[in-house]
Amino acid sequence: MVRAGIIGLGWWGKNIVNAVQGKTERIHFIRGVSKEPDSVCDFAARHEFELSTELDDVLTDPRVQAVVLATPHSLHPDQIVAVARAGKPVFCEKPLSLKKAGAVRAVEACRKAGVVLGIGTNKRFWPAMPALKKVVDSGMLGEILHIESHYSNENSGAHFSAWRDLPTESPGGGMTGAGLHVLDSLVNLMGPLKRVHGQLIVRKPQPDPYDTVSVILEFRNKVSGFLGTVRASPFYWRVHVFGRNGSAEAIGENELVVRLPGGKIERSSFEKIDTLLSEFEAFADAVEGRAPYPITPDQMINVVAAFEAIIKALDTNSTVLVN
């Protein structure tokens, strides 16, 4: 079992602990760090881990074998580097960085230290998504021509934190929230992006924002695409791949629809799983050498490079080349 420390115990940090603690024999939290310890001391006591206020308390504790970051976005690269230099594997909630340079620095620090780097994009583990990738990789759709993706939810209004309102932490409307999940899925399915063109329309700012993001995409392999996300709209997820010989569409967590020539339609439904638990078990397996973490460092960097270009495109309502 991997003994871990978690840094950041806000809304999402608590979700991680609730999903993992006592639910698996592969990873267990023994320490937590919060800048507001009084607000989480009961939570820490309930989950039986030691609470403190500084990252260094965890980095210098020889009992801690891995570190999980659920902290503000801009802190991630420096914190990843610090954890790697302490010789500990690190799992970072998305985004890995807000800029490609930060992502490269984080990945290189972990490579140099020889430690595992995991990234928190749990939608990769929704049963419909690996099933969609299997269909795409099988070749049954023929030459891939186009991909569309959309993810909307109401989390921004329901779980507001002051730091999330800062443009330096959450640029691009819903991009750091829902948008990054579909962007990660697009890179996983189609590879690196070449150029993006973005539009952000804001009707109501934080808290409880009303805004929409629309991004036209071109991948390096000449596949075209679209990414959309709407904050304040009820949950909706769709990733749809169009090929010369058919299309395949993941709808929500557990449904896959494949459309083939002649009007043939194949529908598959999958049992729901706890994807937070699944991604942390995958991280623990990587830490203990049982299997590589399923999201590669190159993919992590490519997602951040595309994200950085999208934010620039949204800011300027223009077309931007991906670095």
C-alpha atoms as a PDB file:
ATOM      1  CA  MET A   1       0.000   0.000   0.000  1.00  0.00           C
ATOM      2  CA  VAL A   2       1.218   3.503  -0.882  1.00  0.00           C
ATOM      3  CA  ARG A   3       1.174   5.863   2.098  1.00  0.00           C
ATOM      4  CA  ALA A   4       0.356   9.328   0.762  1.00  0.00           C
ATOM      5  CA  GLY A   5       0.008  12.938   1.787  1.00  0.00           C
ATOM      6  CA  ILE A   6      -2.559  15.266   0.250  1.00  0.00           C
ATOM      7  CA  ILE A   7      -1.917  18.988  -0.177  1.00  0.00           C
ATOM      8  CA  GLY A   8      -5.102  21.052  -0.335  1.00  0.00           C
ATOM      9  CA  LEU A   9      -8.332  20.082   1.385  1.00  0.00           C
ATOM     10  CA  GLY A  10     -10.902  22.252  -0.320  1.00  0.00           C
ATOM     11  CA  TRP A  11     -13.934  20.915  -2.189  1.00  0.00           C
ATOM     12  CA  TRP A  12     -11.969  18.701  -4.563  1.00  0.00           C
ATOM     13  CA  GLY A  13      -9.330  17.599  -2.072  1.00  0.00           C
ATOM     14  CA  LYS A  14     -12.093  16.328   0.190  1.00  0.00           C
ATOM     15  CA  ASN A  15     -13.674  14.510  -2.760  1.00  0.00           C
ATOM     16  CA  ILE A  16     -10.369  12.716  -3.334  1.00  0.00           C
ATOM     17  CA  VAL A  17     -10.052  11.651   0.290  1.00  0.00           C
ATOM     18  CA  ASN A  18     -13.685  10.501   0.416  1.00  0.00           C
ATOM     19  CA  ALA A  19     -13.167   8.418  -2.738  1.00  0.00           C
ATOM     20  CA  VAL A  20      -9.931   6.773  -1.599  1.00  0.00           C
ATOM     21  CA  GLN A  21      -9.710   6.508   2.168  1.00  0.00           C
ATOM     22  CA  GLY A  22     -10.716   3.058   3.358  1.00  0.00           C
ATOM     23  CA  LYS A  23     -11.955   2.082  -0.137  1.00  0.00           C
ATOM     24  CA  THR A  24      -8.787   0.416  -1.446  1.00  0.00           C
ATOM     25  CA  GLU A  25      -5.738  -1.469  -0.232  1.00  0.00           C
ATOM     26  CA  ARG A  26      -3.448   0.256  -2.772  1.00  0.00           C
ATOM     27  CA  ILE A  27      -3.245   3.813  -1.387  1.00  0.00           C
ATOM     28  CA  HIS A  28      -3.994   5.466   1.963  1.00  0.00           C
ATOM     29  CA  PHE A  29      -3.629   9.070   3.175  1.00  0.00           C
ATOM     30  CA  ILE A  30      -1.598   9.465   6.356  1.00  0.00           C
ATOM     31  CA  ARG A  31      -1.015  13.252   6.178  1.00  0.00           C
ATOM     32  CA  GLY A  32      -2.846  16.301   4.921  1.00  0.00           C
ATOM     33  CA  VAL A  33      -1.914  19.957   4.448  1.00  0.00           C
ATOM     34  CA  SER A  34      -4.314  22.896   4.615  1.00  0.00           C
ATOM     35  CA  LYS A  35      -3.777  26.625   5.022  1.00  0.00           C
ATOM     36  CA  GLU A  36      -7.071  26.678   6.947  1.00  0.00           C
ATOM     37  CA  PRO A  37      -6.591  23.775   9.375  1.00  0.00           C
ATOM     38  CA  ASP A  38      -9.392  24.805  11.727  1.00  0.00           C
ATOM     39  CA  SER A  39     -11.935  24.313   8.947  1.00  0.00           C
ATOM     40  CA  VAL A  40     -10.820  20.749   8.180  1.00  0.00           C
ATOM     41  CA  CYS A  41      -9.594  19.379  11.520  1.00  0.00           C
ATOM     42  CA  ASP A  42     -12.792  17.367  12.014  1.00  0.00           C
ATOM     43  CA  PHE A  43     -12.507  16.008   8.458  1.00  0.00           C
ATOM     44  CA  ALA A  44      -8.894  14.953   9.074  1.00  0.00           C
ATOM     45  CA  ALA A  45      -9.801  13.311  12.367  1.00  0.00           C
ATOM     46  CA  ARG A  46     -12.683  11.432  10.750  1.00  0.00           C
ATOM     47  CA  HIS A  47     -10.348  10.054   8.078  1.00  0.00           C
ATOM     48  CA  GLU A  48      -7.548   9.426  10.578  1.00  0.00           C
ATOM     49  CA  PHE A  49      -4.713  11.386   9.034  1.00  0.00           C
ATOM     50  CA  GLU A  50      -2.343  13.947  10.540  1.00  0.00           C
ATOM     51  CA  LEU A  51      -2.979  17.581   9.604  1.00  0.00           C
ATOM     52  CA  SER A  52      -0.462  20.406   9.211  1.00  0.00           C
ATOM     53  CA  THR A  53      -0.088  23.652   7.275  1.00  0.00           C
ATOM     54  CA  GLU A  54       3.100  23.338   5.196  1.00  0.00           C
ATOM     55  CA  LEU A  55       4.109  21.250   2.192  1.00  0.00           C
ATOM     56  CA  ASP A  56       7.563  20.748   3.724  1.00  0.00           C
ATOM     57  CA  ASP A  57       5.962  18.871   6.625  1.00  0.00           C
ATOM     58  CA  VAL A  58       4.962  16.173   4.153  1.00  0.00           C
ATOM     59  CA  LEU A  59       8.121  16.275   2.034  1.00  0.00           C
ATOM     60  CA  THR A  60      10.363  15.684   5.045  1.00  0.00           C
ATOM     61  CA  ASP A  61       8.229  12.902   6.525  1.00  0.00           C
ATOM     62  CA  PRO A  62       9.911   9.567   5.627  1.00  0.00           C
ATOM     63  CA  ARG A  63       6.621   7.725   6.115  1.00  0.00           C
ATOM     64  CA  VAL A  64       5.031   9.565   3.165  1.00  0.00           C
ATOM     65  CA  GLN A  65       5.721   7.647  -0.043  1.00  0.00           C
ATOM     66  CA  ALA A  66       3.758   9.846  -2.489  1.00  0.00           C
ATOM     67  CA  VAL A  67       2.152  13.278  -2.607  1.00  0.00           C
ATOM     68  CA  VAL A  68      -1.191  14.381  -4.080  1.00  0.00           C
ATOM     69  CA  LEU A  69      -1.703  18.028  -5.068  1.00  0.00           C
ATOM     70  CA  ALA A  70      -5.206  19.530  -4.979  1.00  0.00           C
ATOM     71  CA  THR A  71      -4.010  23.124  -4.837  1.00  0.00           C
ATOM     72  CA  PRO A  72      -4.564  26.327  -6.881  1.00  0.00           C
ATOM     73  CA  HIS A  73      -3.538  25.897 -10.512  1.00  0.00           C
ATOM     74  CA  SER A  74      -0.660  28.370 -10.614  1.00  0.00           C
ATOM     75  CA  LEU A  75       1.144  26.558  -7.789  1.00  0.00           C
ATOM     76  CA  HIS A  76       1.361  23.203  -9.541  1.00  0.00           C
ATOM     77  CA  PRO A  77       4.688  23.396 -11.427  1.00  0.00           C
ATOM     78  CA  ASP A  78       6.725  24.648  -8.444  1.00  0.00           C
ATOM     79  CA  GLN A  79       5.080  22.156  -6.107  1.00  0.00           C
ATOM     80  CA  ILE A  80       5.664  19.250  -8.495  1.00  0.00           C
ATOM     81  CA  VAL A  81       9.337  20.205  -8.757  1.00  0.00           C
ATOM     82  CA  ALA A  82       9.612  20.381  -4.957  1.00  0.00           C
ATOM     83  CA  VAL A  83       7.995  16.970  -4.508  1.00  0.00           C
ATOM     84  CA  ALA A  84      10.176  15.407  -7.203  1.00  0.00           C
ATOM     85  CA  ARG A  85      13.341  16.835  -5.629  1.00  0.00           C
ATOM     86  CA  ALA A  86      12.264  15.213  -2.364  1.00  0.00           C
ATOM     87  CA  GLY A  87      12.256  11.907  -4.238  1.00  0.00           C
ATOM     88  CA  LYS A  88       8.540  11.275  -3.947  1.00  0.00           C
ATOM     89  CA  PRO A  89       6.050  10.383  -6.714  1.00  0.00           C
ATOM     90  CA  VAL A  90       3.458  13.088  -7.282  1.00  0.00           C
ATOM     91  CA  PHE A  91      -0.141  13.128  -8.439  1.00  0.00           C
ATOM     92  CA  CYS A  92      -1.367  16.568  -9.544  1.00  0.00           C
ATOM     93  CA  GLU A  93      -4.938  17.594 -10.176  1.00  0.00           C
ATOM     94  CA  LYS A  94      -5.441  19.218 -13.572  1.00  0.00           C
ATOM     95  CA  PRO A  95      -4.220  21.485 -14.954  1.00  0.00           C
ATOM     96  CA  LEU A  96      -0.645  20.292 -14.658  1.00  0.00           C
ATOM     97  CA  SER A  97       0.284  23.876 -15.524  1.00  0.00           C
ATOM     98  CA  LEU A  98      -1.325  26.902 -17.128  1.00  0.00           C
ATOM     99  CA  LYS A  99       1.627  27.218 -19.542  1.00  0.00           C
ATOM    100  CA  LYS A 100       3.524  24.670 -21.605  1.00  0.00           C
ATOM    101  CA  ALA A 101       6.854  25.794 -20.114  1.00  0.00           C
ATOM    102  CA  GLY A 102       5.619  24.914 -16.629  1.00  0.00           C
ATOM    103  CA  ALA A 103       4.419  21.509 -17.784  1.00  0.00           C
ATOM    104  CA  VAL A 104       7.776  20.755 -19.394  1.00  0.00           C
ATOM    105  CA  ARG A 105       9.585  21.797 -16.214  1.00  0.00           C
ATOM    106  CA  ALA A 106       7.350  19.579 -14.064  1.00  0.00           C
ATOM    107  CA  VAL A 107       7.694  16.556 -16.337  1.00  0.00           C
ATOM    108  CA  GLU A 108      11.469  17.002 -16.579  1.00  0.00           C
ATOM    109  CA  ALA A 109      11.817  17.277 -12.778  1.00  0.00           C
ATOM    110  CA  CYS A 110       9.986  13.970 -12.313  1.00  0.00           C
ATOM    111  CA  ARG A 111      11.984  12.304 -15.088  1.00  0.00           C
ATOM    112  CA  LYS A 112      15.273  13.488 -13.581  1.00  0.00           C
ATOM    113  CA  ALA A 113      14.268  12.311 -10.103  1.00  0.00           C
ATOM    114  CA  GLY A 114      12.985   8.991 -11.451  1.00  0.00           C
ATOM    115  CA  VAL A 115       9.549   9.399  -9.844  1.00  0.00           C
ATOM    116  CA  VAL A 116       6.063   8.774 -11.199  1.00  0.00           C
ATOM    117  CA  LEU A 117       3.942  11.739 -12.269  1.00  0.00           C
ATOM    118  CA  GLY A 118       0.166  11.301 -12.343  1.00  0.00           C
ATOM    119  CA  ILE A 119      -2.427  13.796 -13.549  1.00  0.00           C
ATOM    120  CA  GLY A 120      -6.011  14.091 -12.325  1.00  0.00           C
ATOM    121  CA  THR A 121      -8.216  13.793 -15.394  1.00  0.00           C
ATOM    122  CA  ASN A 122     -10.600  11.138 -14.119  1.00  0.00           C
ATOM    123  CA  LYS A 123     -12.922  11.322 -17.152  1.00  0.00           C
ATOM    124  CA  ARG A 124     -10.291   9.229 -18.969  1.00  0.00           C
ATOM    125  CA  PHE A 125     -11.499   6.399 -16.735  1.00  0.00           C
ATOM    126  CA  TRP A 126     -15.208   6.676 -17.567  1.00  0.00           C
ATOM    127  CA  PRO A 127     -16.019   3.266 -19.114  1.00  0.00           C
ATOM    128  CA  ALA A 128     -17.321   4.832 -22.342  1.00  0.00           C
ATOM    129  CA  MET A 129     -13.991   6.577 -23.042  1.00  0.00           C
ATOM    130  CA  PRO A 130     -11.585   3.592 -23.238  1.00  0.00           C
ATOM    131  CA  ALA A 131     -14.319   1.812 -25.213  1.00  0.00           C
ATOM    132  CA  LEU A 132     -14.412   4.732 -27.668  1.00  0.00           C
ATOM    133  CA  LYS A 133     -10.621   4.694 -28.004  1.00  0.00           C
ATOM    134  CA  LYS A 134     -10.685   0.954 -28.660  1.00  0.00           C
ATOM    135  CA  VAL A 135     -13.141   1.482 -31.528  1.00  0.00           C
ATOM    136  CA  VAL A 136     -11.083   4.336 -32.991  1.00  0.00           C
ATOM    137  CA  ASP A 137      -7.804   2.404 -32.715  1.00  0.00           C
ATOM    138  CA  SER A 138      -9.350  -0.721 -34.265  1.00  0.00           C
ATOM    139  CA  GLY A 139      -9.709   0.980 -37.657  1.00  0.00           C
ATOM    140  CA  MET A 140     -13.376   0.052 -38.044  1.00  0.00           C
ATOM    141  CA  LEU A 141     -14.308   3.716 -38.622  1.00  0.00           C
ATOM    142  CA  GLY A 142     -11.837   4.011 -41.490  1.00  0.00           C
ATOM    143  CA  GLU A 143      -9.856   7.207 -41.967  1.00  0.00           C
ATOM    144  CA  ILE A 144     -10.715   9.616 -39.151  1.00  0.00           C
ATOM    145  CA  LEU A 145     -11.941  12.964 -40.468  1.00  0.00           C
ATOM    146  CA  HIS A 146     -13.484  14.915 -37.588  1.00  0.00           C
ATOM    147  CA  ILE A 147     -14.083  14.872 -33.813  1.00  0.00           C
ATOM    148  CA  GLU A 148     -16.558  16.815 -31.676  1.00  0.00           C
ATOM    149  CA  SER A 149     -16.588  17.175 -27.912  1.00  0.00           C
ATOM    150  CA  HIS A 150     -18.713  18.894 -25.301  1.00  0.00           C
ATOM    151  CA  TYR A 151     -18.763  18.944 -21.521  1.00  0.00           C
ATOM    152  CA  SER A 152     -21.037  21.112 -19.420  1.00  0.00           C
ATOM    153  CA  ASN A 153     -21.815  21.046 -15.718  1.00  0.00           C
ATOM    154  CA  GLU A 154     -22.982  23.260 -12.887  1.00  0.00           C
ATOM    155  CA  ASN A 155     -19.934  22.835 -10.630  1.00  0.00           C
ATOM    156  CA  SER A 156     -18.686  26.437 -10.926  1.00  0.00           C
ATOM    157  CA  GLY A 157     -21.828  27.835  -9.358  1.00  0.00           C
ATOM    158  CA  ALA A 158     -22.207  25.066  -6.797  1.00  0.00           C
ATOM    159  CA  HIS A 159     -18.581  24.985  -5.563  1.00  0.00           C
ATOM    160  CA  PHE A 160     -17.317  28.559  -5.734  1.00  0.00           C
ATOM    161  CA  SER A 161     -13.939  29.413  -4.178  1.00  0.00           C
ATOM    162  CA  ALA A 162     -12.460  32.909  -4.266  1.00  0.00           C
ATOM    163  CA  TRP A 163      -9.187  31.765  -5.850  1.00  0.00           C
ATOM    164  CA  ARG A 164     -11.094  30.129  -8.713  1.00  0.00           C
ATOM    165  CA  ASP A 165     -12.481  33.553  -9.626  1.00  0.00           C
ATOM    166  CA  LEU A 166      -9.028  34.939 -10.402  1.00  0.00           C
ATOM    167  CA  PRO A 167      -8.174  35.225 -14.116  1.00  0.00           C
ATOM    168  CA  THR A 168      -4.620  34.200 -13.221  1.00  0.00           C
ATOM    169  CA  GLU A 169      -5.951  30.885 -11.854  1.00  0.00           C
ATOM    170  CA  SER A 170      -8.972  30.144 -14.062  1.00  0.00           C
ATOM    171  CA  PRO A 171      -8.637  31.800 -17.464  1.00  0.00           C
ATOM    172  CA  GLY A 172     -10.940  31.050 -20.362  1.00  0.00           C
ATOM    173  CA  GLY A 173     -14.329  30.646 -18.720  1.00  0.00           C
ATOM    174  CA  GLY A 174     -14.913  26.954 -18.129  1.00  0.00           C
ATOM    175  CA  MET A 175     -11.638  25.788 -19.671  1.00  0.00           C
ATOM    176  CA  THR A 176      -9.790  24.960 -16.426  1.00  0.00           C
ATOM    177  CA  GLY A 177     -12.827  23.059 -15.174  1.00  0.00           C
ATOM    178  CA  ALA A 178     -14.874  21.086 -17.663  1.00  0.00           C
ATOM    179  CA  GLY A 179     -12.954  22.174 -20.759  1.00  0.00           C
ATOM    180  CA  LEU A 180      -9.677  20.516 -19.796  1.00  0.00           C
ATOM    181  CA  HIS A 181     -11.386  17.151 -19.433  1.00  0.00           C
ATOM    182  CA  VAL A 182     -12.617  17.123 -23.026  1.00  0.00           C
ATOM    183  CA  LEU A 183      -9.319  18.578 -24.254  1.00  0.00           C
ATOM    184  CA  ASP A 184      -7.486  15.689 -22.577  1.00  0.00           C
ATOM    185  CA  SER A 185      -9.849  13.237 -24.259  1.00  0.00           C
ATOM    186  CA  LEU A 186      -9.255  14.838 -27.659  1.00  0.00           C
ATOM    187  CA  VAL A 187      -5.473  14.611 -27.326  1.00  0.00           C
ATOM    188  CA  ASN A 188      -5.779  11.007 -26.159  1.00  0.00           C
ATOM    189  CA  LEU A 189      -7.860  10.082 -29.210  1.00  0.00           C
ATOM    190  CA  MET A 190      -6.323  12.241 -31.955  1.00  0.00           C
ATOM    191  CA  GLY A 191      -2.856  13.272 -30.776  1.00  0.00           C
ATOM    192  CA  PRO A 192      -1.322  16.758 -30.653  1.00  0.00           C
ATOM    193  CA  LEU A 193      -3.104  19.842 -31.941  1.00  0.00           C
ATOM    194  CA  LYS A 194      -1.773  22.133 -34.656  1.00  0.00           C
ATOM    195  CA  ARG A 195      -4.004  25.229 -34.413  1.00  0.00           C
ATOM    196  CA  VAL A 196      -7.094  26.482 -32.590  1.00  0.00           C
ATOM    197  CA  HIS A 197      -9.654  29.254 -33.030  1.00  0.00           C
ATOM    198  CA  GLY A 198     -11.630  30.284 -29.967  1.00  0.00           C
ATOM    199  CA  GLN A 199     -14.637  32.273 -28.822  1.00  0.00           C
ATOM    200  CA  LEU A 200     -15.621  33.090 -25.222  1.00  0.00           C
ATOM    201  CA  ILE A 201     -18.977  34.732 -24.489  1.00  0.00           C
ATOM    202  CA  VAL A 202     -19.641  35.845 -20.901  1.00  0.00           C
ATOM    203  CA  ARG A 203     -23.175  36.690 -19.803  1.00  0.00           C
ATOM    204  CA  LYS A 204     -22.644  36.660 -16.028  1.00  0.00           C
ATOM    205  CA  PRO A 205     -19.330  36.543 -14.088  1.00  0.00           C
ATOM    206  CA  GLN A 206     -18.428  34.550 -10.975  1.00  0.00           C
ATOM    207  CA  PRO A 207     -19.897  33.481  -8.665  1.00  0.00           C
ATOM    208  CA  ASP A 208     -22.384  31.237 -10.501  1.00  0.00           C
ATOM    209  CA  PRO A 209     -21.066  32.242 -13.929  1.00  0.00           C
ATOM    210  CA  TYR A 210     -22.912  32.046 -17.242  1.00  0.00           C
ATOM    211  CA  ASP A 211     -20.393  31.698 -20.059  1.00  0.00           C
ATOM    212  CA  THR A 212     -19.737  29.601 -23.145  1.00  0.00           C
ATOM    213  CA  VAL A 213     -16.536  28.451 -24.827  1.00  0.00           C
ATOM    214  CA  SER A 214     -16.425  27.373 -28.488  1.00  0.00           C
ATOM    215  CA  VAL A 215     -13.156  26.211 -30.053  1.00  0.00           C
ATOM    216  CA  ILE A 216     -12.491  25.068 -33.620  1.00  0.00           C
ATOM    217  CA  LEU A 217      -9.561  22.658 -33.775  1.00  0.00           C
ATOM    218  CA  GLU A 218      -7.056  21.310 -36.261  1.00  0.00           C
ATOM    219  CA  PHE A 219      -4.861  18.371 -35.246  1.00  0.00           C
ATOM    220  CA  ARG A 220      -1.418  17.668 -36.637  1.00  0.00           C
ATOM    221  CA  ASN A 221      -2.829  14.614 -38.426  1.00  0.00           C
ATOM    222  CA  LYS A 222      -5.244  16.913 -40.347  1.00  0.00           C
ATOM    223  CA  VAL A 223      -8.330  15.835 -38.370  1.00  0.00           C
ATOM    224  CA  SER A 224     -10.691  18.740 -37.721  1.00  0.00           C
ATOM    225  CA  GLY A 225     -12.571  19.174 -34.476  1.00  0.00           C
ATOM    226  CA  PHE A 226     -14.719  21.193 -32.107  1.00  0.00           C
ATOM    227  CA  LEU A 227     -14.654  21.685 -28.340  1.00  0.00           C
ATOM    228  CA  GLY A 228     -17.480  23.277 -26.378  1.00  0.00           C
ATOM    229  CA  THR A 229     -18.205  23.871 -22.720  1.00  0.00           C
ATOM    230  CA  VAL A 230     -21.005  25.758 -20.966  1.00  0.00           C
ATOM    231  CA  ARG A 231     -20.930  26.659 -17.296  1.00  0.00           C
ATOM    232  CA  ALA A 232     -24.298  26.791 -15.510  1.00  0.00           C
ATOM    233  CA  SER A 233     -25.881  24.183 -17.793  1.00  0.00           C
ATOM    234  CA  PRO A 234     -26.823  20.744 -16.382  1.00  0.00           C
ATOM    235  CA  PHE A 235     -24.363  17.884 -16.811  1.00  0.00           C
ATOM    236  CA  TYR A 236     -23.719  16.776 -20.385  1.00  0.00           C
ATOM    237  CA  TRP A 237     -20.783  14.882 -21.949  1.00  0.00           C
ATOM    238  CA  ARG A 238     -20.270  13.842 -25.549  1.00  0.00           C
ATOM    239  CA  VAL A 239     -17.186  12.904 -27.570  1.00  0.00           C
ATOM    240  CA  HIS A 240     -18.022  11.940 -31.166  1.00  0.00           C
ATOM    241  CA  VAL A 241     -15.466  10.641 -33.692  1.00  0.00           C
ATOM    242  CA  PHE A 242     -16.354  10.678 -37.408  1.00  0.00           C
ATOM    243  CA  GLY A 243     -14.565   8.403 -39.874  1.00  0.00           C
ATOM    244  CA  ARG A 244     -14.923   7.533 -43.540  1.00  0.00           C
ATOM    245  CA  ASN A 245     -16.670   4.236 -42.675  1.00  0.00           C
ATOM    246  CA  GLY A 246     -18.658   5.199 -39.593  1.00  0.00           C
ATOM    247  CA  SER A 247     -18.779   7.200 -36.381  1.00  0.00           C
ATOM    248  CA  ALA A 248     -18.553   6.410 -32.679  1.00  0.00           C
ATOM    249  CA  GLU A 249     -19.972   8.539 -29.880  1.00  0.00           C
ATOM    250  CA  ALA A 250     -19.366   8.361 -26.130  1.00  0.00           C
ATOM    251  CA  ILE A 251     -22.348   9.857 -24.312  1.00  0.00           C
ATOM    252  CA  GLY A 252     -21.955  10.467 -20.614  1.00  0.00           C
ATOM    253  CA  GLU A 253     -19.968   8.045 -18.502  1.00  0.00           C
ATOM    254  CA  ASN A 254     -21.330   4.726 -19.650  1.00  0.00           C
ATOM    255  CA  GLU A 255     -22.865   4.802 -23.146  1.00  0.00           C
ATOM    256  CA  LEU A 256     -21.262   4.216 -26.544  1.00  0.00           C
ATOM    257  CA  VAL A 257     -23.058   4.457 -29.889  1.00  0.00           C
ATOM    258  CA  VAL A 258     -21.401   3.250 -33.103  1.00  0.00           C
ATOM    259  CA  ARG A 259     -23.004   4.146 -36.438  1.00  0.00           C
ATOM    260  CA  LEU A 260     -21.982   2.100 -39.487  1.00  0.00           C
ATOM    261  CA  PRO A 261     -22.898   2.117 -43.187  1.00  0.00           C
ATOM    262  CA  GLY A 262     -26.413   1.048 -44.168  1.00  0.00           C
ATOM    263  CA  GLY A 263     -27.990   2.570 -41.058  1.00  0.00           C
ATOM    264  CA  LYS A 264     -26.559  -0.045 -38.709  1.00  0.00           C
ATOM    265  CA  ILE A 265     -26.336   1.193 -35.115  1.00  0.00           C
ATOM    266  CA  GLU A 266     -24.585  -0.580 -32.255  1.00  0.00           C
ATOM    267  CA  ARG A 267     -25.263   0.596 -28.687  1.00  0.00           C
ATOM    268  CA  SER A 268     -23.267  -0.431 -25.637  1.00  0.00           C
ATOM    269  CA  SER A 269     -23.851   0.366 -21.976  1.00  0.00           C
ATOM    270  CA  PHE A 270     -21.302  -0.111 -19.216  1.00  0.00           C
ATOM    271  CA  GLU A 271     -21.522  -0.378 -15.449  1.00  0.00           C
ATOM    272  CA  LYS A 272     -20.735   2.827 -13.579  1.00  0.00           C
ATOM    273  CA  ILE A 273     -17.458   2.908 -11.656  1.00  0.00           C
ATOM    274  CA  ASP A 274     -15.843   5.317  -9.194  1.00  0.00           C
ATOM    275  CA  THR A 275     -13.353   6.978 -11.536  1.00  0.00           C
ATOM    276  CA  LEU A 276     -11.622   8.931  -8.777  1.00  0.00           C
ATOM    277  CA  LEU A 277     -10.827   5.666  -7.030  1.00  0.00           C
ATOM    278  CA  SER A 278      -9.787   4.106 -10.352  1.00  0.00           C
ATOM    279  CA  GLU A 279      -7.279   6.832 -11.207  1.00  0.00           C
ATOM    280  CA  PHE A 280      -5.685   6.710  -7.753  1.00  0.00           C
ATOM    281  CA  GLU A 281      -5.399   2.944  -7.905  1.00  0.00           C
ATOM    282  CA  ALA A 282      -3.721   3.394 -11.308  1.00  0.00           C
ATOM    283  CA  PHE A 283      -1.340   5.912  -9.732  1.00  0.00           C
ATOM    284  CA  ALA A 284      -0.552   3.505  -6.877  1.00  0.00           C
ATOM    285  CA  ASP A 285       0.091   0.725  -9.392  1.00  0.00           C
ATOM    286  CA  ALA A 286       2.562   2.996 -11.210  1.00  0.00           C
ATOM    287  CA  VAL A 287       4.295   3.985  -7.966  1.00  0.00           C
ATOM    288  CA  GLU A 288       4.756   0.343  -6.996  1.00  0.00           C
ATOM    289  CA  GLY A 289       5.873  -0.678 -10.486  1.00  0.00           C
ATOM    290  CA  ARG A 290       2.888  -2.823 -11.452  1.00  0.00           C
ATOM    291  CA  ALA A 291       1.940  -0.780 -14.548  1.00  0.00           C
ATOM    292  CA  PRO A 292       2.788   2.576 -16.148  1.00  0.00           C
ATOM    293  CA  TYR A 293       0.453   5.445 -15.404  1.00  0.00           C
ATOM    294  CA  PRO A 294      -2.005   5.423 -18.352  1.00  0.00           C
ATOM    295  CA  ILE A 295      -1.504   9.104 -19.246  1.00  0.00           C
ATOM    296  CA  THR A 296       1.969   9.662 -20.675  1.00  0.00           C
ATOM    297  CA  PRO A 297       4.168  12.695 -19.960  1.00  0.00           C
ATOM    298  CA  ASP A 298       4.028  13.646 -23.659  1.00  0.00           C
ATOM    299  CA  GLN A 299       0.238  13.717 -23.523  1.00  0.00           C
ATOM    300  CA  MET A 300       0.347  15.840 -20.360  1.00  0.00           C
ATOM    301  CA  ILE A 301       2.562  18.389 -22.129  1.00  0.00           C
ATOM    302  CA  ASN A 302       0.503  18.331 -25.328  1.00  0.00           C
ATOM    303  CA  VAL A 303      -2.694  19.028 -23.393  1.00  0.00           C
ATOM    304  CA  VAL A 304      -1.145  22.037 -21.641  1.00  0.00           C
ATOM    305  CA  ALA A 305       0.324  23.354 -24.911  1.00  0.00           C
ATOM    306  CA  ALA A 306      -3.128  23.160 -26.506  1.00  0.00           C
ATOM    307  CA  PHE A 307      -4.728  24.735 -23.422  1.00  0.00           C
ATOM    308  CA  GLU A 308      -2.297  27.674 -23.529  1.00  0.00           C
ATOM    309  CA  ALA A 309      -3.081  28.243 -27.213  1.00  0.00           C
ATOM    310  CA  ILE A 310      -6.838  28.045 -26.579  1.00  0.00           C
ATOM    311  CA  ILE A 311      -6.649  30.649 -23.809  1.00  0.00           C
ATOM    312  CA  LYS A 312      -4.786  33.000 -26.151  1.00  0.00           C
ATOM    313  CA  ALA A 313      -7.346  32.335 -28.885  1.00  0.00           C
ATOM    314  CA  LEU A 314     -10.227  33.053 -26.501  1.00  0.00           C
ATOM    315  CA  ASP A 315      -8.589  36.269 -25.314  1.00  0.00           C
ATOM    316  CA  THR A 316      -8.087  37.521 -28.875  1.00  0.00           C
ATOM    317  CA  ASN A 317     -11.001  35.798 -30.658  1.00  0.00           C
ATOM    318  CA  SER A 318      -8.462  34.608 -33.222  1.00  0.00           C
ATOM    319  CA  THR A 319      -6.605  31.621 -34.639  1.00  0.00           C
ATOM    320  CA  VAL A 320      -3.496  30.565 -32.705  1.00  0.00           C
ATOM    321  CA  LEU A 321      -0.829  27.992 -33.597  1.00  0.00           C
ATOM    322  CA  VAL A 322      -0.113  25.438 -30.863  1.00  0.00           C
ATOM    323  CA  ASN A 323       3.491  25.504 -29.658  1.00  0.00           C
END
